[in-house]
Amino acid sequence: IGPVFRHERPQRGRYRQFHQIDVEALGFAGP
């Protein structure tokens, strides 16, 4: 969980510094 940065046009709920919850399952192949 933390800030990410994109130089894009600010809009509702999306800014140049915004925050993400990033969830990754690494090493799992199945559906």
PDB file of all heavy atoms in Angstrom:
ATOM      1  N   ILE A   1       0.871  -1.182   0.000  1.00  0.00           N
ATOM      2  CA  ILE A   1       0.000   0.000   0.000  1.00  0.00           C
ATOM      3  C   ILE A   1       0.908   1.233   0.000  1.00  0.00           C
ATOM      4  O   ILE A   1       1.801   1.339   0.832  1.00  0.00           O
ATOM      5  CB  ILE A   1      -0.919   0.035   1.238  1.00  0.00           C
ATOM      6  CG1 ILE A   1      -1.833  -1.208   1.261  1.00  0.00           C
ATOM      7  CG2 ILE A   1      -1.747   1.307   1.262  1.00  0.00           C
ATOM      8  CD1 ILE A   1      -2.713  -1.316   2.510  1.00  0.00           C
ATOM      9  N   GLY A   2       0.691   2.137  -0.937  1.00  0.00           N
ATOM     10  CA  GLY A   2       1.539   3.330  -0.930  1.00  0.00           C
ATOM     11  C   GLY A   2       1.325   4.195  -2.156  1.00  0.00           C
ATOM     12  O   GLY A   2       0.500   3.900  -3.026  1.00  0.00           O
ATOM     13  N   PRO A   3       2.103   5.297  -2.260  1.00  0.00           N
ATOM     14  CA  PRO A   3       1.914   6.256  -3.349  1.00  0.00           C
ATOM     15  C   PRO A   3       2.568   5.803  -4.657  1.00  0.00           C
ATOM     16  O   PRO A   3       3.610   5.156  -4.654  1.00  0.00           O
ATOM     17  CB  PRO A   3       2.610   7.525  -2.822  1.00  0.00           C
ATOM     18  CG  PRO A   3       3.664   7.008  -1.880  1.00  0.00           C
ATOM     19  CD  PRO A   3       3.111   5.749  -1.274  1.00  0.00           C
ATOM     20  N   VAL A   4       1.911   6.148  -5.764  1.00  0.00           N
ATOM     21  CA  VAL A   4       2.484   5.991  -7.100  1.00  0.00           C
ATOM     22  C   VAL A   4       2.309   7.332  -7.829  1.00  0.00           C
ATOM     23  O   VAL A   4       1.512   8.178  -7.414  1.00  0.00           O
ATOM     24  CB  VAL A   4       1.830   4.828  -7.888  1.00  0.00           C
ATOM     25  CG1 VAL A   4       2.137   3.494  -7.258  1.00  0.00           C
ATOM     26  CG2 VAL A   4       0.338   5.013  -7.987  1.00  0.00           C
ATOM     27  N   PHE A   5       3.056   7.497  -8.918  1.00  0.00           N
ATOM     28  CA  PHE A   5       3.156   8.820  -9.537  1.00  0.00           C
ATOM     29  C   PHE A   5       2.971   8.726 -11.050  1.00  0.00           C
ATOM     30  O   PHE A   5       3.662   7.971 -11.731  1.00  0.00           O
ATOM     31  CB  PHE A   5       4.537   9.439  -9.232  1.00  0.00           C
ATOM     32  CG  PHE A   5       4.822   9.525  -7.760  1.00  0.00           C
ATOM     33  CD1 PHE A   5       5.352   8.433  -7.078  1.00  0.00           C
ATOM     34  CD2 PHE A   5       4.546  10.678  -7.047  1.00  0.00           C
ATOM     35  CE1 PHE A   5       5.602   8.496  -5.709  1.00  0.00           C
ATOM     36  CE2 PHE A   5       4.784  10.746  -5.690  1.00  0.00           C
ATOM     37  CZ  PHE A   5       5.306   9.658  -5.022  1.00  0.00           C
ATOM     38  N   ARG A   6       2.019   9.492 -11.571  1.00  0.00           N
ATOM     39  CA  ARG A   6       1.830   9.574 -13.019  1.00  0.00           C
ATOM     40  C   ARG A   6       1.520  11.014 -13.410  1.00  0.00           C
ATOM     41  O   ARG A   6       0.634  11.650 -12.825  1.00  0.00           O
ATOM     42  CB  ARG A   6       0.679   8.662 -13.477  1.00  0.00           C
ATOM     43  CG  ARG A   6       0.962   7.188 -13.270  1.00  0.00           C
ATOM     44  CD  ARG A   6      -0.148   6.323 -13.828  1.00  0.00           C
ATOM     45  NE  ARG A   6      -0.037   4.947 -13.339  1.00  0.00           N
ATOM     46  CZ  ARG A   6      -0.918   3.997 -13.581  1.00  0.00           C
ATOM     47  NH1 ARG A   6      -1.992   4.258 -14.323  1.00  0.00           N
ATOM     48  NH2 ARG A   6      -0.736   2.776 -13.071  1.00  0.00           N
ATOM     49  N   HIS A   7       2.227  11.504 -14.403  1.00  0.00           N
ATOM     50  CA  HIS A   7       2.011  12.869 -14.865  1.00  0.00           C
ATOM     51  C   HIS A   7       0.865  12.860 -15.865  1.00  0.00           C
ATOM     52  O   HIS A   7       1.056  12.886 -17.070  1.00  0.00           O
ATOM     53  CB  HIS A   7       3.289  13.437 -15.500  1.00  0.00           C
ATOM     54  CG  HIS A   7       3.234  14.928 -15.673  1.00  0.00           C
ATOM     55  ND1 HIS A   7       2.577  15.520 -16.708  1.00  0.00           N
ATOM     56  CD2 HIS A   7       3.697  15.929 -14.898  1.00  0.00           C
ATOM     57  CE1 HIS A   7       2.655  16.842 -16.586  1.00  0.00           C
ATOM     58  NE2 HIS A   7       3.338  17.114 -15.507  1.00  0.00           N
ATOM     59  N   GLU A   8      -0.355  12.804 -15.335  1.00  0.00           N
ATOM     60  CA  GLU A   8      -1.532  12.807 -16.188  1.00  0.00           C
ATOM     61  C   GLU A   8      -2.477  13.910 -15.729  1.00  0.00           C
ATOM     62  O   GLU A   8      -2.266  14.533 -14.679  1.00  0.00           O
ATOM     63  CB  GLU A   8      -2.222  11.438 -16.165  1.00  0.00           C
ATOM     64  CG  GLU A   8      -2.608  10.936 -14.794  1.00  0.00           C
ATOM     65  CD  GLU A   8      -3.166   9.515 -14.821  1.00  0.00           C
ATOM     66  OE1 GLU A   8      -3.297   8.926 -15.888  1.00  0.00           O
ATOM     67  OE2 GLU A   8      -3.470   8.995 -13.744  1.00  0.00           O
ATOM     68  N   ARG A   9      -3.515  14.135 -16.512  1.00  0.00           N
ATOM     69  CA  ARG A   9      -4.457  15.206 -16.175  1.00  0.00           C
ATOM     70  C   ARG A   9      -5.223  14.821 -14.909  1.00  0.00           C
ATOM     71  O   ARG A   9      -5.925  13.809 -14.907  1.00  0.00           O
ATOM     72  CB  ARG A   9      -5.427  15.425 -17.340  1.00  0.00           C
ATOM     73  CG  ARG A   9      -6.394  16.592 -17.149  1.00  0.00           C
ATOM     74  CD  ARG A   9      -7.182  16.826 -18.428  1.00  0.00           C
ATOM     75  NE  ARG A   9      -7.913  15.651 -18.834  1.00  0.00           N
ATOM     76  CZ  ARG A   9      -9.125  15.298 -18.337  1.00  0.00           C
ATOM     77  NH1 ARG A   9      -9.701  16.044 -17.415  1.00  0.00           N
ATOM     78  NH2 ARG A   9      -9.725  14.199 -18.780  1.00  0.00           N
ATOM     79  N   PRO A  10      -5.106  15.614 -13.834  1.00  0.00           N
ATOM     80  CA  PRO A  10      -5.850  15.265 -12.618  1.00  0.00           C
ATOM     81  C   PRO A  10      -7.352  15.198 -12.883  1.00  0.00           C
ATOM     82  O   PRO A  10      -7.892  16.000 -13.633  1.00  0.00           O
ATOM     83  CB  PRO A  10      -5.513  16.415 -11.650  1.00  0.00           C
ATOM     84  CG  PRO A  10      -4.200  16.964 -12.129  1.00  0.00           C
ATOM     85  CD  PRO A  10      -4.259  16.813 -13.634  1.00  0.00           C
ATOM     86  N   GLN A  11      -8.024  14.215 -12.310  1.00  0.00           N
ATOM     87  CA  GLN A  11      -9.457  14.029 -12.481  1.00  0.00           C
ATOM     88  C   GLN A  11     -10.000  13.424 -11.202  1.00  0.00           C
ATOM     89  O   GLN A  11      -9.242  13.099 -10.302  1.00  0.00           O
ATOM     90  CB  GLN A  11      -9.758  13.142 -13.692  1.00  0.00           C
ATOM     91  CG  GLN A  11      -8.985  11.832 -13.672  1.00  0.00           C
ATOM     92  CD  GLN A  11      -8.914  11.150 -15.001  1.00  0.00           C
ATOM     93  OE1 GLN A  11      -9.901  10.747 -15.456  1.00  0.00           O
ATOM     94  NE2 GLN A  11      -7.779  11.007 -15.628  1.00  0.00           N
ATOM     95  N   ARG A  12     -11.312  13.292 -11.142  1.00  0.00           N
ATOM     96  CA  ARG A  12     -11.921  12.822  -9.905  1.00  0.00           C
ATOM     97  C   ARG A  12     -11.333  11.469  -9.465  1.00  0.00           C
ATOM     98  O   ARG A  12     -11.381  10.482 -10.194  1.00  0.00           O
ATOM     99  CB  ARG A  12     -13.434  12.676 -10.079  1.00  0.00           C
ATOM    100  CG  ARG A  12     -14.130  12.217  -8.806  1.00  0.00           C
ATOM    101  CD  ARG A  12     -15.611  12.366  -8.899  1.00  0.00           C
ATOM    102  NE  ARG A  12     -16.244  11.949  -7.658  1.00  0.00           N
ATOM    103  CZ  ARG A  12     -17.517  12.085  -7.407  1.00  0.00           C
ATOM    104  NH1 ARG A  12     -18.302  12.661  -8.305  1.00  0.00           N
ATOM    105  NH2 ARG A  12     -18.022  11.679  -6.250  1.00  0.00           N
ATOM    106  N   GLY A  13     -10.796  11.465  -8.282  1.00  0.00           N
ATOM    107  CA  GLY A  13     -10.273  10.224  -7.730  1.00  0.00           C
ATOM    108  C   GLY A  13      -8.951   9.766  -8.315  1.00  0.00           C
ATOM    109  O   GLY A  13      -8.449   8.698  -7.977  1.00  0.00           O
ATOM    110  N   ARG A  14      -8.353  10.548  -9.157  1.00  0.00           N
ATOM    111  CA  ARG A  14      -7.070  10.171  -9.748  1.00  0.00           C
ATOM    112  C   ARG A  14      -6.193  11.423  -9.840  1.00  0.00           C
ATOM    113  O   ARG A  14      -6.557  12.375 -10.518  1.00  0.00           O
ATOM    114  CB  ARG A  14      -7.259   9.533 -11.124  1.00  0.00           C
ATOM    115  CG  ARG A  14      -5.965   9.252 -11.893  1.00  0.00           C
ATOM    116  CD  ARG A  14      -4.993   8.330 -11.154  1.00  0.00           C
ATOM    117  NE  ARG A  14      -5.490   7.000 -10.993  1.00  0.00           N
ATOM    118  CZ  ARG A  14      -5.325   6.006 -11.887  1.00  0.00           C
ATOM    119  NH1 ARG A  14      -4.705   6.221 -13.016  1.00  0.00           N
ATOM    120  NH2 ARG A  14      -5.801   4.802 -11.628  1.00  0.00           N
ATOM    121  N   TYR A  15      -5.082  11.400  -9.165  1.00  0.00           N
ATOM    122  CA  TYR A  15      -4.212  12.564  -9.105  1.00  0.00           C
ATOM    123  C   TYR A  15      -2.819  12.172  -9.577  1.00  0.00           C
ATOM    124  O   TYR A  15      -2.546  11.015  -9.896  1.00  0.00           O
ATOM    125  CB  TYR A  15      -4.198  13.110  -7.675  1.00  0.00           C
ATOM    126  CG  TYR A  15      -5.602  13.365  -7.155  1.00  0.00           C
ATOM    127  CD1 TYR A  15      -6.210  12.475  -6.273  1.00  0.00           C
ATOM    128  CD2 TYR A  15      -6.319  14.452  -7.596  1.00  0.00           C
ATOM    129  CE1 TYR A  15      -7.510  12.689  -5.834  1.00  0.00           C
ATOM    130  CE2 TYR A  15      -7.619  14.676  -7.160  1.00  0.00           C
ATOM    131  CZ  TYR A  15      -8.212  13.783  -6.286  1.00  0.00           C
ATOM    132  OH  TYR A  15      -9.490  13.985  -5.870  1.00  0.00           O
ATOM    133  N   ARG A  16      -1.898  13.121  -9.627  1.00  0.00           N
ATOM    134  CA  ARG A  16      -0.542  12.828 -10.105  1.00  0.00           C
ATOM    135  C   ARG A  16       0.247  12.029  -9.073  1.00  0.00           C
ATOM    136  O   ARG A  16       1.085  11.232  -9.430  1.00  0.00           O
ATOM    137  CB  ARG A  16       0.161  14.126 -10.494  1.00  0.00           C
ATOM    138  CG  ARG A  16      -0.450  14.701 -11.757  1.00  0.00           C
ATOM    139  CD  ARG A  16       0.104  16.048 -12.148  1.00  0.00           C
ATOM    140  NE  ARG A  16      -0.500  16.469 -13.419  1.00  0.00           N
ATOM    141  CZ  ARG A  16      -0.310  17.651 -13.965  1.00  0.00           C
ATOM    142  NH1 ARG A  16       0.464  18.546 -13.372  1.00  0.00           N
ATOM    143  NH2 ARG A  16      -0.894  17.957 -15.121  1.00  0.00           N
ATOM    144  N   GLN A  17       0.016  12.302  -7.810  1.00  0.00           N
ATOM    145  CA  GLN A  17       0.404  11.361  -6.773  1.00  0.00           C
ATOM    146  C   GLN A  17      -0.885  10.753  -6.248  1.00  0.00           C
ATOM    147  O   GLN A  17      -1.733  11.444  -5.707  1.00  0.00           O
ATOM    148  CB  GLN A  17       1.163  12.029  -5.619  1.00  0.00           C
ATOM    149  CG  GLN A  17       1.459  11.015  -4.488  1.00  0.00           C
ATOM    150  CD  GLN A  17       2.212  11.595  -3.313  1.00  0.00           C
ATOM    151  OE1 GLN A  17       3.248  12.215  -3.479  1.00  0.00           O
ATOM    152  NE2 GLN A  17       1.717  11.410  -2.118  1.00  0.00           N
ATOM    153  N   PHE A  18      -1.043   9.466  -6.456  1.00  0.00           N
ATOM    154  CA  PHE A  18      -2.199   8.786  -5.881  1.00  0.00           C
ATOM    155  C   PHE A  18      -1.707   7.523  -5.188  1.00  0.00           C
ATOM    156  O   PHE A  18      -0.519   7.218  -5.177  1.00  0.00           O
ATOM    157  CB  PHE A  18      -3.278   8.508  -6.942  1.00  0.00           C
ATOM    158  CG  PHE A  18      -2.844   7.622  -8.090  1.00  0.00           C
ATOM    159  CD1 PHE A  18      -3.216   6.303  -8.148  1.00  0.00           C
ATOM    160  CD2 PHE A  18      -2.098   8.134  -9.143  1.00  0.00           C
ATOM    161  CE1 PHE A  18      -2.842   5.493  -9.205  1.00  0.00           C
ATOM    162  CE2 PHE A  18      -1.707   7.318 -10.218  1.00  0.00           C
ATOM    163  CZ  PHE A  18      -2.079   6.002 -10.243  1.00  0.00           C
ATOM    164  N   HIS A  19      -2.613   6.804  -4.560  1.00  0.00           N
ATOM    165  CA  HIS A  19      -2.211   5.673  -3.732  1.00  0.00           C
ATOM    166  C   HIS A  19      -2.868   4.391  -4.239  1.00  0.00           C
ATOM    167  O   HIS A  19      -4.010   4.399  -4.676  1.00  0.00           O
ATOM    168  CB  HIS A  19      -2.602   5.931  -2.264  1.00  0.00           C
ATOM    169  CG  HIS A  19      -1.878   7.105  -1.679  1.00  0.00           C
ATOM    170  ND1 HIS A  19      -2.223   8.404  -1.991  1.00  0.00           N
ATOM    171  CD2 HIS A  19      -0.809   7.179  -0.837  1.00  0.00           C
ATOM    172  CE1 HIS A  19      -1.392   9.228  -1.354  1.00  0.00           C
ATOM    173  NE2 HIS A  19      -0.546   8.509  -0.658  1.00  0.00           N
ATOM    174  N   GLN A  20      -2.114   3.331  -4.167  1.00  0.00           N
ATOM    175  CA  GLN A  20      -2.617   2.036  -4.617  1.00  0.00           C
ATOM    176  C   GLN A  20      -2.542   0.992  -3.511  1.00  0.00           C
ATOM    177  O   GLN A  20      -1.635   1.011  -2.688  1.00  0.00           O
ATOM    178  CB  GLN A  20      -1.799   1.531  -5.812  1.00  0.00           C
ATOM    179  CG  GLN A  20      -2.179   2.150  -7.146  1.00  0.00           C
ATOM    180  CD  GLN A  20      -1.513   1.470  -8.329  1.00  0.00           C
ATOM    181  OE1 GLN A  20      -0.540   0.747  -8.194  1.00  0.00           O
ATOM    182  NE2 GLN A  20      -2.038   1.717  -9.529  1.00  0.00           N
ATOM    183  N   ILE A  21      -3.529   0.095  -3.547  1.00  0.00           N
ATOM    184  CA  ILE A  21      -3.431  -1.179  -2.834  1.00  0.00           C
ATOM    185  C   ILE A  21      -3.064  -2.192  -3.912  1.00  0.00           C
ATOM    186  O   ILE A  21      -3.832  -2.405  -4.859  1.00  0.00           O
ATOM    187  CB  ILE A  21      -4.774  -1.567  -2.183  1.00  0.00           C
ATOM    188  CG1 ILE A  21      -5.250  -0.467  -1.231  1.00  0.00           C
ATOM    189  CG2 ILE A  21      -4.655  -2.904  -1.460  1.00  0.00           C
ATOM    190  CD1 ILE A  21      -6.752  -0.510  -0.979  1.00  0.00           C
ATOM    191  N   ASP A  22      -1.907  -2.772  -3.796  1.00  0.00           N
ATOM    192  CA  ASP A  22      -1.421  -3.687  -4.820  1.00  0.00           C
ATOM    193  C   ASP A  22      -1.311  -5.087  -4.225  1.00  0.00           C
ATOM    194  O   ASP A  22      -0.649  -5.282  -3.210  1.00  0.00           O
ATOM    195  CB  ASP A  22      -0.049  -3.214  -5.315  1.00  0.00           C
ATOM    196  CG  ASP A  22       0.362  -3.917  -6.585  1.00  0.00           C
ATOM    197  OD1 ASP A  22       0.010  -3.448  -7.671  1.00  0.00           O
ATOM    198  OD2 ASP A  22       1.044  -4.964  -6.481  1.00  0.00           O
ATOM    199  N   VAL A  23      -1.966  -6.055  -4.846  1.00  0.00           N
ATOM    200  CA  VAL A  23      -2.025  -7.422  -4.321  1.00  0.00           C
ATOM    201  C   VAL A  23      -1.495  -8.374  -5.386  1.00  0.00           C
ATOM    202  O   VAL A  23      -1.954  -8.338  -6.533  1.00  0.00           O
ATOM    203  CB  VAL A  23      -3.478  -7.783  -3.928  1.00  0.00           C
ATOM    204  CG1 VAL A  23      -3.563  -9.229  -3.447  1.00  0.00           C
ATOM    205  CG2 VAL A  23      -3.980  -6.831  -2.831  1.00  0.00           C
ATOM    206  N   GLU A  24      -0.520  -9.206  -5.019  1.00  0.00           N
ATOM    207  CA  GLU A  24       0.115 -10.093  -5.985  1.00  0.00           C
ATOM    208  C   GLU A  24       0.196 -11.517  -5.435  1.00  0.00           C
ATOM    209  O   GLU A  24       0.615 -11.725  -4.290  1.00  0.00           O
ATOM    210  CB  GLU A  24       1.549  -9.610  -6.316  1.00  0.00           C
ATOM    211  CG  GLU A  24       1.670  -8.123  -6.650  1.00  0.00           C
ATOM    212  CD  GLU A  24       1.072  -7.705  -7.986  1.00  0.00           C
ATOM    213  OE1 GLU A  24       0.610  -8.602  -8.742  1.00  0.00           O
ATOM    214  OE2 GLU A  24       1.037  -6.498  -8.287  1.00  0.00           O
ATOM    215  N   ALA A  25      -0.195 -12.480  -6.260  1.00  0.00           N
ATOM    216  CA  ALA A  25      -0.028 -13.899  -5.946  1.00  0.00           C
ATOM    217  C   ALA A  25       1.060 -14.432  -6.886  1.00  0.00           C
ATOM    218  O   ALA A  25       0.821 -14.632  -8.076  1.00  0.00           O
ATOM    219  CB  ALA A  25      -1.341 -14.649  -6.134  1.00  0.00           C
ATOM    220  N   LEU A  26       2.266 -14.616  -6.359  1.00  0.00           N
ATOM    221  CA  LEU A  26       3.441 -14.952  -7.173  1.00  0.00           C
ATOM    222  C   LEU A  26       3.722 -16.450  -7.103  1.00  0.00           C
ATOM    223  O   LEU A  26       3.821 -17.014  -6.008  1.00  0.00           O
ATOM    224  CB  LEU A  26       4.668 -14.175  -6.662  1.00  0.00           C
ATOM    225  CG  LEU A  26       4.517 -12.641  -6.575  1.00  0.00           C
ATOM    226  CD1 LEU A  26       5.718 -12.025  -5.865  1.00  0.00           C
ATOM    227  CD2 LEU A  26       4.360 -12.024  -7.952  1.00  0.00           C
ATOM    228  N   GLY A  27       3.826 -17.088  -8.284  1.00  0.00           N
ATOM    229  CA  GLY A  27       4.156 -18.512  -8.323  1.00  0.00           C
ATOM    230  C   GLY A  27       2.947 -19.428  -8.418  1.00  0.00           C
ATOM    231  O   GLY A  27       3.083 -20.639  -8.301  1.00  0.00           O
ATOM    232  N   PHE A  28       1.749 -18.873  -8.624  1.00  0.00           N
ATOM    233  CA  PHE A  28       0.513 -19.660  -8.732  1.00  0.00           C
ATOM    234  C   PHE A  28       0.034 -19.665 -10.183  1.00  0.00           C
ATOM    235  O   PHE A  28      -0.125 -18.603 -10.784  1.00  0.00           O
ATOM    236  CB  PHE A  28      -0.582 -19.074  -7.841  1.00  0.00           C
ATOM    237  CG  PHE A  28      -0.251 -19.077  -6.372  1.00  0.00           C
ATOM    238  CD1 PHE A  28       0.313 -17.967  -5.775  1.00  0.00           C
ATOM    239  CD2 PHE A  28      -0.522 -20.186  -5.587  1.00  0.00           C
ATOM    240  CE1 PHE A  28       0.605 -17.949  -4.413  1.00  0.00           C
ATOM    241  CE2 PHE A  28      -0.231 -20.183  -4.226  1.00  0.00           C
ATOM    242  CZ  PHE A  28       0.336 -19.072  -3.643  1.00  0.00           C
ATOM    243  N   ALA A  29      -0.247 -20.845 -10.714  1.00  0.00           N
ATOM    244  CA  ALA A  29      -0.567 -20.946 -12.137  1.00  0.00           C
ATOM    245  C   ALA A  29      -2.050 -21.135 -12.448  1.00  0.00           C
ATOM    246  O   ALA A  29      -2.488 -20.813 -13.542  1.00  0.00           O
ATOM    247  CB  ALA A  29       0.208 -22.118 -12.747  1.00  0.00           C
ATOM    248  N   GLY A  30      -2.822 -21.672 -11.550  1.00  0.00           N
ATOM    249  CA  GLY A  30      -4.159 -22.142 -11.898  1.00  0.00           C
ATOM    250  C   GLY A  30      -5.241 -21.072 -11.927  1.00  0.00           C
ATOM    251  O   GLY A  30      -5.086 -19.986 -11.353  1.00  0.00           O
ATOM    252  N   PRO A  31      -6.371 -21.390 -12.571  1.00  0.00           N
ATOM    253  CA  PRO A  31      -7.518 -20.474 -12.587  1.00  0.00           C
ATOM    254  C   PRO A  31      -8.131 -20.288 -11.208  1.00  0.00           C
ATOM    255  O   PRO A  31      -8.849 -19.317 -10.978  1.00  0.00           O
ATOM    256  CB  PRO A  31      -8.508 -21.155 -13.538  1.00  0.00           C
ATOM    257  CG  PRO A  31      -8.142 -22.609 -13.523  1.00  0.00           C
ATOM    258  CD  PRO A  31      -6.663 -22.650 -13.314  1.00  0.00           C
TER     259      PRO A  31
END
